[in-house]
Amino acid sequence: IESTGLFYTKLGKPLTAQNLYSKNNNPLKK
C-alpha cells in the first residue's frame, strides 16, 4: 500500500506501512 504512493491519511500525509502495522486492532467503528 505504501509503495503505491497513492494513499493519504485523513490529515493529508502519505500513508505509511508503519501507520498500518500499528497494533491497535480495536477501532471505534469496528
mmCIF file of all heavy atoms, coordinates in Angstrom:
data_MODEL
# 
_entry.id   MODEL 
# 
loop_
_atom_site.group_PDB 
_atom_site.id 
_atom_site.type_symbol 
_atom_site.label_atom_id 
_atom_site.label_alt_id 
_atom_site.label_comp_id 
_atom_site.label_asym_id 
_atom_site.label_entity_id 
_atom_site.label_seq_id 
_atom_site.pdbx_PDB_ins_code 
_atom_site.Cartn_x 
_atom_site.Cartn_y 
_atom_site.Cartn_z 
_atom_site.occupancy 
_atom_site.B_iso_or_equiv 
_atom_site.pdbx_formal_charge 
_atom_site.auth_seq_id 
_atom_site.auth_comp_id 
_atom_site.auth_asym_id 
_atom_site.auth_atom_id 
_atom_site.pdbx_PDB_model_num 
ATOM 1   N N   . ILE A 1 1  ? 0.841   -1.205 0.000  1.00 0.00 ? 1  ILE A N   1 
ATOM 2   C CA  . ILE A 1 1  ? 0.000   0.000  0.000  1.00 0.00 ? 1  ILE A CA  1 
ATOM 3   C C   . ILE A 1 1  ? 0.871   1.247  0.000  1.00 0.00 ? 1  ILE A C   1 
ATOM 4   O O   . ILE A 1 1  ? 0.654   2.181  -0.775 1.00 0.00 ? 1  ILE A O   1 
ATOM 5   C CB  . ILE A 1 1  ? -0.957  -0.012 1.213  1.00 0.00 ? 1  ILE A CB  1 
ATOM 6   C CG1 . ILE A 1 1  ? -2.039  -1.082 1.018  1.00 0.00 ? 1  ILE A CG1 1 
ATOM 7   C CG2 . ILE A 1 1  ? -1.602  1.360  1.417  1.00 0.00 ? 1  ILE A CG2 1 
ATOM 8   C CD1 . ILE A 1 1  ? -2.917  -1.304 2.225  1.00 0.00 ? 1  ILE A CD1 1 
ATOM 9   N N   . GLU A 1 2  ? 1.893   1.282  0.854  1.00 0.00 ? 2  GLU A N   1 
ATOM 10  C CA  . GLU A 1 2  ? 2.795   2.432  0.890  1.00 0.00 ? 2  GLU A CA  1 
ATOM 11  C C   . GLU A 1 2  ? 3.548   2.586  -0.424 1.00 0.00 ? 2  GLU A C   1 
ATOM 12  O O   . GLU A 1 2  ? 3.758   3.714  -0.914 1.00 0.00 ? 2  GLU A O   1 
ATOM 13  C CB  . GLU A 1 2  ? 3.797   2.295  2.036  1.00 0.00 ? 2  GLU A CB  1 
ATOM 14  C CG  . GLU A 1 2  ? 4.794   3.454  2.096  1.00 0.00 ? 2  GLU A CG  1 
ATOM 15  C CD  . GLU A 1 2  ? 5.824   3.312  3.192  1.00 0.00 ? 2  GLU A CD  1 
ATOM 16  O OE1 . GLU A 1 2  ? 5.760   2.356  3.972  1.00 0.00 ? 2  GLU A OE1 1 
ATOM 17  O OE2 . GLU A 1 2  ? 6.725   4.179  3.256  1.00 0.00 ? 2  GLU A OE2 1 
ATOM 18  N N   . SER A 1 3  ? 3.953   1.465  -1.010 1.00 0.00 ? 3  SER A N   1 
ATOM 19  C CA  . SER A 1 3  ? 4.778   1.514  -2.222 1.00 0.00 ? 3  SER A CA  1 
ATOM 20  C C   . SER A 1 3  ? 4.055   2.158  -3.403 1.00 0.00 ? 3  SER A C   1 
ATOM 21  O O   . SER A 1 3  ? 4.688   2.661  -4.322 1.00 0.00 ? 3  SER A O   1 
ATOM 22  C CB  . SER A 1 3  ? 5.248   0.111  -2.609 1.00 0.00 ? 3  SER A CB  1 
ATOM 23  O OG  . SER A 1 3  ? 4.194   -0.642 -3.197 1.00 0.00 ? 3  SER A OG  1 
ATOM 24  N N   . THR A 1 4  ? 2.715   2.170  -3.387 1.00 0.00 ? 4  THR A N   1 
ATOM 25  C CA  . THR A 1 4  ? 1.980   2.802  -4.489 1.00 0.00 ? 4  THR A CA  1 
ATOM 26  C C   . THR A 1 4  ? 2.159   4.315  -4.476 1.00 0.00 ? 4  THR A C   1 
ATOM 27  O O   . THR A 1 4  ? 2.086   4.970  -5.519 1.00 0.00 ? 4  THR A O   1 
ATOM 28  C CB  . THR A 1 4  ? 0.476   2.502  -4.406 1.00 0.00 ? 4  THR A CB  1 
ATOM 29  O OG1 . THR A 1 4  ? -0.087  3.162  -3.265 1.00 0.00 ? 4  THR A OG1 1 
ATOM 30  C CG2 . THR A 1 4  ? 0.212   1.000  -4.324 1.00 0.00 ? 4  THR A CG2 1 
ATOM 31  N N   . GLY A 1 5  ? 2.367   4.899  -3.283 1.00 0.00 ? 5  GLY A N   1 
ATOM 32  C CA  . GLY A 1 5  ? 2.487   6.341  -3.151 1.00 0.00 ? 5  GLY A CA  1 
ATOM 33  C C   . GLY A 1 5  ? 1.201   7.084  -3.423 1.00 0.00 ? 5  GLY A C   1 
ATOM 34  O O   . GLY A 1 5  ? 1.203   8.299  -3.633 1.00 0.00 ? 5  GLY A O   1 
ATOM 35  N N   . LEU A 1 6  ? 0.072   6.354  -3.376 1.00 0.00 ? 6  LEU A N   1 
ATOM 36  C CA  . LEU A 1 6  ? -1.213  6.954  -3.762 1.00 0.00 ? 6  LEU A CA  1 
ATOM 37  C C   . LEU A 1 6  ? -2.178  7.130  -2.592 1.00 0.00 ? 6  LEU A C   1 
ATOM 38  O O   . LEU A 1 6  ? -3.225  7.747  -2.750 1.00 0.00 ? 6  LEU A O   1 
ATOM 39  C CB  . LEU A 1 6  ? -1.883  6.092  -4.841 1.00 0.00 ? 6  LEU A CB  1 
ATOM 40  C CG  . LEU A 1 6  ? -1.136  6.012  -6.183 1.00 0.00 ? 6  LEU A CG  1 
ATOM 41  C CD1 . LEU A 1 6  ? -1.794  4.989  -7.100 1.00 0.00 ? 6  LEU A CD1 1 
ATOM 42  C CD2 . LEU A 1 6  ? -1.099  7.379  -6.856 1.00 0.00 ? 6  LEU A CD2 1 
ATOM 43  N N   . PHE A 1 7  ? -1.832  6.596  -1.421 1.00 0.00 ? 7  PHE A N   1 
ATOM 44  C CA  . PHE A 1 7  ? -2.746  6.660  -0.279 1.00 0.00 ? 7  PHE A CA  1 
ATOM 45  C C   . PHE A 1 7  ? -2.315  7.765  0.687  1.00 0.00 ? 7  PHE A C   1 
ATOM 46  O O   . PHE A 1 7  ? -1.132  7.889  1.018  1.00 0.00 ? 7  PHE A O   1 
ATOM 47  C CB  . PHE A 1 7  ? -2.772  5.321  0.460  1.00 0.00 ? 7  PHE A CB  1 
ATOM 48  C CG  . PHE A 1 7  ? -3.503  4.234  -0.285 1.00 0.00 ? 7  PHE A CG  1 
ATOM 49  C CD1 . PHE A 1 7  ? -2.837  3.439  -1.216 1.00 0.00 ? 7  PHE A CD1 1 
ATOM 50  C CD2 . PHE A 1 7  ? -4.849  3.994  -0.052 1.00 0.00 ? 7  PHE A CD2 1 
ATOM 51  C CE1 . PHE A 1 7  ? -3.506  2.437  -1.908 1.00 0.00 ? 7  PHE A CE1 1 
ATOM 52  C CE2 . PHE A 1 7  ? -5.524  2.995  -0.730 1.00 0.00 ? 7  PHE A CE2 1 
ATOM 53  C CZ  . PHE A 1 7  ? -4.852  2.210  -1.663 1.00 0.00 ? 7  PHE A CZ  1 
ATOM 54  N N   . TYR A 1 8  ? -3.323  8.545  1.166  1.00 0.00 ? 8  TYR A N   1 
ATOM 55  C CA  . TYR A 1 8  ? -3.060  9.645  2.088  1.00 0.00 ? 8  TYR A CA  1 
ATOM 56  C C   . TYR A 1 8  ? -4.010  9.569  3.281  1.00 0.00 ? 8  TYR A C   1 
ATOM 57  O O   . TYR A 1 8  ? -5.179  9.205  3.133  1.00 0.00 ? 8  TYR A O   1 
ATOM 58  C CB  . TYR A 1 8  ? -3.213  10.996 1.380  1.00 0.00 ? 8  TYR A CB  1 
ATOM 59  C CG  . TYR A 1 8  ? -2.102  11.269 0.399  1.00 0.00 ? 8  TYR A CG  1 
ATOM 60  C CD1 . TYR A 1 8  ? -2.106  10.675 -0.867 1.00 0.00 ? 8  TYR A CD1 1 
ATOM 61  C CD2 . TYR A 1 8  ? -1.037  12.096 0.735  1.00 0.00 ? 8  TYR A CD2 1 
ATOM 62  C CE1 . TYR A 1 8  ? -1.066  10.901 -1.758 1.00 0.00 ? 8  TYR A CE1 1 
ATOM 63  C CE2 . TYR A 1 8  ? 0.001   12.337 -0.153 1.00 0.00 ? 8  TYR A CE2 1 
ATOM 64  C CZ  . TYR A 1 8  ? -0.021  11.730 -1.399 1.00 0.00 ? 8  TYR A CZ  1 
ATOM 65  O OH  . TYR A 1 8  ? 1.008   11.952 -2.278 1.00 0.00 ? 8  TYR A OH  1 
ATOM 66  N N   . THR A 1 9  ? -3.508  9.908  4.440  1.00 0.00 ? 9  THR A N   1 
ATOM 67  C CA  . THR A 1 9  ? -4.311  9.851  5.652  1.00 0.00 ? 9  THR A CA  1 
ATOM 68  C C   . THR A 1 9  ? -5.330  10.985 5.696  1.00 0.00 ? 9  THR A C   1 
ATOM 69  O O   . THR A 1 9  ? -5.307  11.896 4.867  1.00 0.00 ? 9  THR A O   1 
ATOM 70  C CB  . THR A 1 9  ? -3.432  9.955  6.906  1.00 0.00 ? 9  THR A CB  1 
ATOM 71  O OG1 . THR A 1 9  ? -2.895  11.285 6.986  1.00 0.00 ? 9  THR A OG1 1 
ATOM 72  C CG2 . THR A 1 9  ? -2.292  8.951  6.875  1.00 0.00 ? 9  THR A CG2 1 
ATOM 73  N N   . LYS A 1 10 ? -6.167  10.944 6.695  1.00 0.00 ? 10 LYS A N   1 
ATOM 74  C CA  . LYS A 1 10 ? -7.169  11.986 6.911  1.00 0.00 ? 10 LYS A CA  1 
ATOM 75  C C   . LYS A 1 10 ? -6.524  13.356 7.092  1.00 0.00 ? 10 LYS A C   1 
ATOM 76  O O   . LYS A 1 10 ? -7.121  14.386 6.801  1.00 0.00 ? 10 LYS A O   1 
ATOM 77  C CB  . LYS A 1 10 ? -7.997  11.629 8.143  1.00 0.00 ? 10 LYS A CB  1 
ATOM 78  C CG  . LYS A 1 10 ? -9.129  12.577 8.459  1.00 0.00 ? 10 LYS A CG  1 
ATOM 79  C CD  . LYS A 1 10 ? -9.951  12.065 9.632  1.00 0.00 ? 10 LYS A CD  1 
ATOM 80  C CE  . LYS A 1 10 ? -11.132 12.984 9.896  1.00 0.00 ? 10 LYS A CE  1 
ATOM 81  N NZ  . LYS A 1 10 ? -11.989 12.481 10.986 1.00 0.00 ? 10 LYS A NZ  1 
ATOM 82  N N   . LEU A 1 11 ? -5.268  13.364 7.566  1.00 0.00 ? 11 LEU A N   1 
ATOM 83  C CA  . LEU A 1 11 ? -4.548  14.605 7.805  1.00 0.00 ? 11 LEU A CA  1 
ATOM 84  C C   . LEU A 1 11 ? -3.786  15.071 6.576  1.00 0.00 ? 11 LEU A C   1 
ATOM 85  O O   . LEU A 1 11 ? -3.054  16.062 6.625  1.00 0.00 ? 11 LEU A O   1 
ATOM 86  C CB  . LEU A 1 11 ? -3.581  14.434 8.977  1.00 0.00 ? 11 LEU A CB  1 
ATOM 87  C CG  . LEU A 1 11 ? -4.246  14.086 10.315 1.00 0.00 ? 11 LEU A CG  1 
ATOM 88  C CD1 . LEU A 1 11 ? -3.207  13.700 11.336 1.00 0.00 ? 11 LEU A CD1 1 
ATOM 89  C CD2 . LEU A 1 11 ? -5.097  15.234 10.817 1.00 0.00 ? 11 LEU A CD2 1 
ATOM 90  N N   . GLY A 1 12 ? -3.919  14.324 5.455  1.00 0.00 ? 12 GLY A N   1 
ATOM 91  C CA  . GLY A 1 12 ? -3.266  14.720 4.217  1.00 0.00 ? 12 GLY A CA  1 
ATOM 92  C C   . GLY A 1 12 ? -1.823  14.286 4.104  1.00 0.00 ? 12 GLY A C   1 
ATOM 93  O O   . GLY A 1 12 ? -1.096  14.734 3.213  1.00 0.00 ? 12 GLY A O   1 
ATOM 94  N N   . LYS A 1 13 ? -1.369  13.409 5.016  1.00 0.00 ? 13 LYS A N   1 
ATOM 95  C CA  . LYS A 1 13 ? 0.005   12.926 4.970  1.00 0.00 ? 13 LYS A CA  1 
ATOM 96  C C   . LYS A 1 13 ? 0.049   11.583 4.254  1.00 0.00 ? 13 LYS A C   1 
ATOM 97  O O   . LYS A 1 13 ? -0.912  10.799 4.325  1.00 0.00 ? 13 LYS A O   1 
ATOM 98  C CB  . LYS A 1 13 ? 0.559   12.756 6.389  1.00 0.00 ? 13 LYS A CB  1 
ATOM 99  C CG  . LYS A 1 13 ? 0.670   14.045 7.171  1.00 0.00 ? 13 LYS A CG  1 
ATOM 100 C CD  . LYS A 1 13 ? 1.293   13.809 8.527  1.00 0.00 ? 13 LYS A CD  1 
ATOM 101 C CE  . LYS A 1 13 ? 2.730   13.371 8.412  1.00 0.00 ? 13 LYS A CE  1 
ATOM 102 N NZ  . LYS A 1 13 ? 3.375   13.212 9.737  1.00 0.00 ? 13 LYS A NZ  1 
ATOM 103 N N   . PRO A 1 14 ? 1.148   11.266 3.557  1.00 0.00 ? 14 PRO A N   1 
ATOM 104 C CA  . PRO A 1 14 ? 1.264   9.958  2.902  1.00 0.00 ? 14 PRO A CA  1 
ATOM 105 C C   . PRO A 1 14 ? 1.073   8.822  3.895  1.00 0.00 ? 14 PRO A C   1 
ATOM 106 O O   . PRO A 1 14 ? 1.626   8.855  5.002  1.00 0.00 ? 14 PRO A O   1 
ATOM 107 C CB  . PRO A 1 14 ? 2.695   9.985  2.345  1.00 0.00 ? 14 PRO A CB  1 
ATOM 108 C CG  . PRO A 1 14 ? 3.011   11.427 2.168  1.00 0.00 ? 14 PRO A CG  1 
ATOM 109 C CD  . PRO A 1 14 ? 2.317   12.134 3.300  1.00 0.00 ? 14 PRO A CD  1 
ATOM 110 N N   . LEU A 1 15 ? 0.275   7.843  3.524  1.00 0.00 ? 15 LEU A N   1 
ATOM 111 C CA  . LEU A 1 15 ? 0.014   6.693  4.386  1.00 0.00 ? 15 LEU A CA  1 
ATOM 112 C C   . LEU A 1 15 ? 1.209   5.755  4.318  1.00 0.00 ? 15 LEU A C   1 
ATOM 113 O O   . LEU A 1 15 ? 1.619   5.323  3.244  1.00 0.00 ? 15 LEU A O   1 
ATOM 114 C CB  . LEU A 1 15 ? -1.250  5.968  3.931  1.00 0.00 ? 15 LEU A CB  1 
ATOM 115 C CG  . LEU A 1 15 ? -1.733  4.805  4.799  1.00 0.00 ? 15 LEU A CG  1 
ATOM 116 C CD1 . LEU A 1 15 ? -2.168  5.292  6.172  1.00 0.00 ? 15 LEU A CD1 1 
ATOM 117 C CD2 . LEU A 1 15 ? -2.894  4.086  4.113  1.00 0.00 ? 15 LEU A CD2 1 
ATOM 118 N N   . THR A 1 16 ? 1.791   5.445  5.469  1.00 0.00 ? 16 THR A N   1 
ATOM 119 C CA  . THR A 1 16 ? 2.978   4.599  5.507  1.00 0.00 ? 16 THR A CA  1 
ATOM 120 C C   . THR A 1 16 ? 2.639   3.210  6.026  1.00 0.00 ? 16 THR A C   1 
ATOM 121 O O   . THR A 1 16 ? 1.621   2.998  6.677  1.00 0.00 ? 16 THR A O   1 
ATOM 122 C CB  . THR A 1 16 ? 4.063   5.205  6.411  1.00 0.00 ? 16 THR A CB  1 
ATOM 123 O OG1 . THR A 1 16 ? 3.586   5.196  7.776  1.00 0.00 ? 16 THR A OG1 1 
ATOM 124 C CG2 . THR A 1 16 ? 4.380   6.631  5.997  1.00 0.00 ? 16 THR A CG2 1 
ATOM 125 N N   . ALA A 1 17 ? 3.541   2.280  5.748  1.00 0.00 ? 17 ALA A N   1 
ATOM 126 C CA  . ALA A 1 17 ? 3.371   0.915  6.260  1.00 0.00 ? 17 ALA A CA  1 
ATOM 127 C C   . ALA A 1 17 ? 3.369   0.925  7.778  1.00 0.00 ? 17 ALA A C   1 
ATOM 128 O O   . ALA A 1 17 ? 2.633   0.167  8.417  1.00 0.00 ? 17 ALA A O   1 
ATOM 129 C CB  . ALA A 1 17 ? 4.493   0.023  5.728  1.00 0.00 ? 17 ALA A CB  1 
ATOM 130 N N   . GLN A 1 18 ? 4.180   1.803  8.379  1.00 0.00 ? 18 GLN A N   1 
ATOM 131 C CA  . GLN A 1 18 ? 4.241   1.884  9.833  1.00 0.00 ? 18 GLN A CA  1 
ATOM 132 C C   . GLN A 1 18 ? 2.882   2.248  10.419 1.00 0.00 ? 18 GLN A C   1 
ATOM 133 O O   . GLN A 1 18 ? 2.487   1.726  11.454 1.00 0.00 ? 18 GLN A O   1 
ATOM 134 C CB  . GLN A 1 18 ? 5.293   2.910  10.254 1.00 0.00 ? 18 GLN A CB  1 
ATOM 135 C CG  . GLN A 1 18 ? 5.502   2.979  11.766 1.00 0.00 ? 18 GLN A CG  1 
ATOM 136 C CD  . GLN A 1 18 ? 6.573   3.972  12.153 1.00 0.00 ? 18 GLN A CD  1 
ATOM 137 O OE1 . GLN A 1 18 ? 7.157   4.635  11.300 1.00 0.00 ? 18 GLN A OE1 1 
ATOM 138 N NE2 . GLN A 1 18 ? 6.848   4.084  13.437 1.00 0.00 ? 18 GLN A NE2 1 
ATOM 139 N N   . ASN A 1 19 ? 2.164   3.149  9.735  1.00 0.00 ? 19 ASN A N   1 
ATOM 140 C CA  . ASN A 1 19 ? 0.814   3.503  10.189 1.00 0.00 ? 19 ASN A CA  1 
ATOM 141 C C   . ASN A 1 19 ? -0.066  2.268  10.279 1.00 0.00 ? 19 ASN A C   1 
ATOM 142 O O   . ASN A 1 19 ? -0.845  2.097  11.230 1.00 0.00 ? 19 ASN A O   1 
ATOM 143 C CB  . ASN A 1 19 ? 0.149   4.483  9.221  1.00 0.00 ? 19 ASN A CB  1 
ATOM 144 C CG  . ASN A 1 19 ? 0.837   5.818  9.140  1.00 0.00 ? 19 ASN A CG  1 
ATOM 145 O OD1 . ASN A 1 19 ? 0.855   6.445  8.092  1.00 0.00 ? 19 ASN A OD1 1 
ATOM 146 N ND2 . ASN A 1 19 ? 1.417   6.287  10.233 1.00 0.00 ? 19 ASN A ND2 1 
ATOM 147 N N   . LEU A 1 20 ? 0.055   1.394  9.295  1.00 0.00 ? 20 LEU A N   1 
ATOM 148 C CA  . LEU A 1 20 ? -0.843  0.241  9.182  1.00 0.00 ? 20 LEU A CA  1 
ATOM 149 C C   . LEU A 1 20 ? -0.349  -0.971 9.953  1.00 0.00 ? 20 LEU A C   1 
ATOM 150 O O   . LEU A 1 20 ? -1.100  -1.926 10.154 1.00 0.00 ? 20 LEU A O   1 
ATOM 151 C CB  . LEU A 1 20 ? -1.030  -0.130 7.710  1.00 0.00 ? 20 LEU A CB  1 
ATOM 152 C CG  . LEU A 1 20 ? -1.689  0.957  6.859  1.00 0.00 ? 20 LEU A CG  1 
ATOM 153 C CD1 . LEU A 1 20 ? -1.694  0.556  5.398  1.00 0.00 ? 20 LEU A CD1 1 
ATOM 154 C CD2 . LEU A 1 20 ? -3.116  1.221  7.331  1.00 0.00 ? 20 LEU A CD2 1 
ATOM 155 N N   . TYR A 1 21 ? 0.902   -0.940 10.397 1.00 0.00 ? 21 TYR A N   1 
ATOM 156 C CA  . TYR A 1 21 ? 1.421   -2.056 11.195 1.00 0.00 ? 21 TYR A CA  1 
ATOM 157 C C   . TYR A 1 21 ? 1.212   -1.842 12.684 1.00 0.00 ? 21 TYR A C   1 
ATOM 158 O O   . TYR A 1 21 ? 1.608   -2.662 13.489 1.00 0.00 ? 21 TYR A O   1 
ATOM 159 C CB  . TYR A 1 21 ? 2.914   -2.258 10.924 1.00 0.00 ? 21 TYR A CB  1 
ATOM 160 C CG  . TYR A 1 21 ? 3.216   -3.081 9.694  1.00 0.00 ? 21 TYR A CG  1 
ATOM 161 C CD1 . TYR A 1 21 ? 4.087   -2.610 8.717  1.00 0.00 ? 21 TYR A CD1 1 
ATOM 162 C CD2 . TYR A 1 21 ? 2.629   -4.328 9.499  1.00 0.00 ? 21 TYR A CD2 1 
ATOM 163 C CE1 . TYR A 1 21 ? 4.373   -3.357 7.581  1.00 0.00 ? 21 TYR A CE1 1 
ATOM 164 C CE2 . TYR A 1 21 ? 2.906   -5.078 8.373  1.00 0.00 ? 21 TYR A CE2 1 
ATOM 165 C CZ  . TYR A 1 21 ? 3.780   -4.592 7.421  1.00 0.00 ? 21 TYR A CZ  1 
ATOM 166 O OH  . TYR A 1 21 ? 4.063   -5.337 6.303  1.00 0.00 ? 21 TYR A OH  1 
ATOM 167 N N   . SER A 1 22 ? 0.609   -0.728 13.073 1.00 0.00 ? 22 SER A N   1 
ATOM 168 C CA  . SER A 1 22 ? 0.337   -0.488 14.487 1.00 0.00 ? 22 SER A CA  1 
ATOM 169 C C   . SER A 1 22 ? -0.548  -1.590 15.035 1.00 0.00 ? 22 SER A C   1 
ATOM 170 O O   . SER A 1 22 ? -1.327  -2.200 14.318 1.00 0.00 ? 22 SER A O   1 
ATOM 171 C CB  . SER A 1 22 ? -0.341  0.874  14.676 1.00 0.00 ? 22 SER A CB  1 
ATOM 172 O OG  . SER A 1 22 ? -1.593  0.880  14.042 1.00 0.00 ? 22 SER A OG  1 
ATOM 173 N N   . LYS A 1 23 ? -0.423  -1.826 16.350 1.00 0.00 ? 23 LYS A N   1 
ATOM 174 C CA  . LYS A 1 23 ? -1.070  -2.994 16.944 1.00 0.00 ? 23 LYS A CA  1 
ATOM 175 C C   . LYS A 1 23 ? -2.476  -2.744 17.477 1.00 0.00 ? 23 LYS A C   1 
ATOM 176 O O   . LYS A 1 23 ? -3.054  -3.601 18.125 1.00 0.00 ? 23 LYS A O   1 
ATOM 177 C CB  . LYS A 1 23 ? -0.187  -3.548 18.068 1.00 0.00 ? 23 LYS A CB  1 
ATOM 178 C CG  . LYS A 1 23 ? 1.147   -4.062 17.572 1.00 0.00 ? 23 LYS A CG  1 
ATOM 179 C CD  . LYS A 1 23 ? 1.974   -4.624 18.704 1.00 0.00 ? 23 LYS A CD  1 
ATOM 180 C CE  . LYS A 1 23 ? 3.315   -5.138 18.196 1.00 0.00 ? 23 LYS A CE  1 
ATOM 181 N NZ  . LYS A 1 23 ? 4.153   -5.670 19.280 1.00 0.00 ? 23 LYS A NZ  1 
ATOM 182 N N   . ASN A 1 24 ? -3.019  -1.559 17.241 1.00 0.00 ? 24 ASN A N   1 
ATOM 183 C CA  . ASN A 1 24 ? -4.368  -1.269 17.716 1.00 0.00 ? 24 ASN A CA  1 
ATOM 184 C C   . ASN A 1 24 ? -5.381  -1.943 16.794 1.00 0.00 ? 24 ASN A C   1 
ATOM 185 O O   . ASN A 1 24 ? -5.584  -1.540 15.664 1.00 0.00 ? 24 ASN A O   1 
ATOM 186 C CB  . ASN A 1 24 ? -4.612  0.248  17.728 1.00 0.00 ? 24 ASN A CB  1 
ATOM 187 C CG  . ASN A 1 24 ? -5.932  0.597  18.381 1.00 0.00 ? 24 ASN A CG  1 
ATOM 188 O OD1 . ASN A 1 24 ? -6.823  -0.238 18.512 1.00 0.00 ? 24 ASN A OD1 1 
ATOM 189 N ND2 . ASN A 1 24 ? -6.058  1.837  18.804 1.00 0.00 ? 24 ASN A ND2 1 
ATOM 190 N N   . ASN A 1 25 ? -6.025  -2.992 17.295 1.00 0.00 ? 25 ASN A N   1 
ATOM 191 C CA  . ASN A 1 25 ? -6.975  -3.760 16.498 1.00 0.00 ? 25 ASN A CA  1 
ATOM 192 C C   . ASN A 1 25 ? -8.428  -3.517 16.906 1.00 0.00 ? 25 ASN A C   1 
ATOM 193 O O   . ASN A 1 25 ? -9.304  -4.319 16.601 1.00 0.00 ? 25 ASN A O   1 
ATOM 194 C CB  . ASN A 1 25 ? -6.657  -5.259 16.615 1.00 0.00 ? 25 ASN A CB  1 
ATOM 195 C CG  . ASN A 1 25 ? -5.312  -5.601 15.992 1.00 0.00 ? 25 ASN A CG  1 
ATOM 196 O OD1 . ASN A 1 25 ? -5.009  -5.149 14.897 1.00 0.00 ? 25 ASN A OD1 1 
ATOM 197 N ND2 . ASN A 1 25 ? -4.508  -6.373 16.705 1.00 0.00 ? 25 ASN A ND2 1 
ATOM 198 N N   . ASN A 1 26 ? -8.648  -2.436 17.631 1.00 0.00 ? 26 ASN A N   1 
ATOM 199 C CA  . ASN A 1 26 ? -9.991  -2.151 18.125 1.00 0.00 ? 26 ASN A CA  1 
ATOM 200 C C   . ASN A 1 26 ? -10.446 -0.751 17.740 1.00 0.00 ? 26 ASN A C   1 
ATOM 201 O O   . ASN A 1 26 ? -10.591 0.126  18.589 1.00 0.00 ? 26 ASN A O   1 
ATOM 202 C CB  . ASN A 1 26 ? -10.024 -2.303 19.655 1.00 0.00 ? 26 ASN A CB  1 
ATOM 203 C CG  . ASN A 1 26 ? -9.728  -3.712 20.095 1.00 0.00 ? 26 ASN A CG  1 
ATOM 204 O OD1 . ASN A 1 26 ? -10.507 -4.622 19.867 1.00 0.00 ? 26 ASN A OD1 1 
ATOM 205 N ND2 . ASN A 1 26 ? -8.576  -3.893 20.729 1.00 0.00 ? 26 ASN A ND2 1 
ATOM 206 N N   . PRO A 1 27 ? -10.662 -0.511 16.448 1.00 0.00 ? 27 PRO A N   1 
ATOM 207 C CA  . PRO A 1 27 ? -11.121 0.826  16.037 1.00 0.00 ? 27 PRO A CA  1 
ATOM 208 C C   . PRO A 1 27 ? -12.506 1.121  16.578 1.00 0.00 ? 27 PRO A C   1 
ATOM 209 O O   . PRO A 1 27 ? -13.280 0.202  16.889 1.00 0.00 ? 27 PRO A O   1 
ATOM 210 C CB  . PRO A 1 27 ? -11.134 0.736  14.509 1.00 0.00 ? 27 PRO A CB  1 
ATOM 211 C CG  . PRO A 1 27 ? -11.319 -0.705 14.213 1.00 0.00 ? 27 PRO A CG  1 
ATOM 212 C CD  . PRO A 1 27 ? -10.579 -1.435 15.300 1.00 0.00 ? 27 PRO A CD  1 
ATOM 213 N N   . LEU A 1 28 ? -12.819 2.392  16.675 1.00 0.00 ? 28 LEU A N   1 
ATOM 214 C CA  . LEU A 1 28 ? -14.087 2.821  17.255 1.00 0.00 ? 28 LEU A CA  1 
ATOM 215 C C   . LEU A 1 28 ? -15.282 2.250  16.482 1.00 0.00 ? 28 LEU A C   1 
ATOM 216 O O   . LEU A 1 28 ? -16.304 1.911  17.066 1.00 0.00 ? 28 LEU A O   1 
ATOM 217 C CB  . LEU A 1 28 ? -14.137 4.352  17.272 1.00 0.00 ? 28 LEU A CB  1 
ATOM 218 C CG  . LEU A 1 28 ? -15.253 5.006  18.080 1.00 0.00 ? 28 LEU A CG  1 
ATOM 219 C CD1 . LEU A 1 28 ? -15.139 4.615  19.548 1.00 0.00 ? 28 LEU A CD1 1 
ATOM 220 C CD2 . LEU A 1 28 ? -15.192 6.519  17.941 1.00 0.00 ? 28 LEU A CD2 1 
ATOM 221 N N   . LYS A 1 29 ? -15.154 2.119  15.153 1.00 0.00 ? 29 LYS A N   1 
ATOM 222 C CA  . LYS A 1 29 ? -16.266 1.660  14.324 1.00 0.00 ? 29 LYS A CA  1 
ATOM 223 C C   . LYS A 1 29 ? -16.104 0.199  13.892 1.00 0.00 ? 29 LYS A C   1 
ATOM 224 O O   . LYS A 1 29 ? -16.591 -0.212 12.843 1.00 0.00 ? 29 LYS A O   1 
ATOM 225 C CB  . LYS A 1 29 ? -16.412 2.571  13.107 1.00 0.00 ? 29 LYS A CB  1 
ATOM 226 C CG  . LYS A 1 29 ? -16.739 4.010  13.499 1.00 0.00 ? 29 LYS A CG  1 
ATOM 227 C CD  . LYS A 1 29 ? -16.883 4.927  12.289 1.00 0.00 ? 29 LYS A CD  1 
ATOM 228 C CE  . LYS A 1 29 ? -17.189 6.359  12.722 1.00 0.00 ? 29 LYS A CE  1 
ATOM 229 N NZ  . LYS A 1 29 ? -17.306 7.282  11.573 1.00 0.00 ? 29 LYS A NZ  1 
ATOM 230 N N   . LYS A 1 30 ? -15.438 -0.572 14.718 1.00 0.00 ? 30 LYS A N   1 
ATOM 231 C CA  . LYS A 1 30 ? -15.186 -1.987 14.427 1.00 0.00 ? 30 LYS A CA  1 
ATOM 232 C C   . LYS A 1 30 ? -16.479 -2.750 14.172 1.00 0.00 ? 30 LYS A C   1 
ATOM 233 O O   . LYS A 1 30 ? -16.593 -3.537 13.217 1.00 0.00 ? 30 LYS A O   1 
ATOM 234 C CB  . LYS A 1 30 ? -14.424 -2.624 15.590 1.00 0.00 ? 30 LYS A CB  1 
ATOM 235 C CG  . LYS A 1 30 ? -14.161 -4.121 15.452 1.00 0.00 ? 30 LYS A CG  1 
ATOM 236 C CD  . LYS A 1 30 ? -13.390 -4.627 16.661 1.00 0.00 ? 30 LYS A CD  1 
ATOM 237 C CE  . LYS A 1 30 ? -13.091 -6.106 16.536 1.00 0.00 ? 30 LYS A CE  1 
ATOM 238 N NZ  . LYS A 1 30 ? -14.292 -6.952 16.540 1.00 0.00 ? 30 LYS A NZ  1 
# 
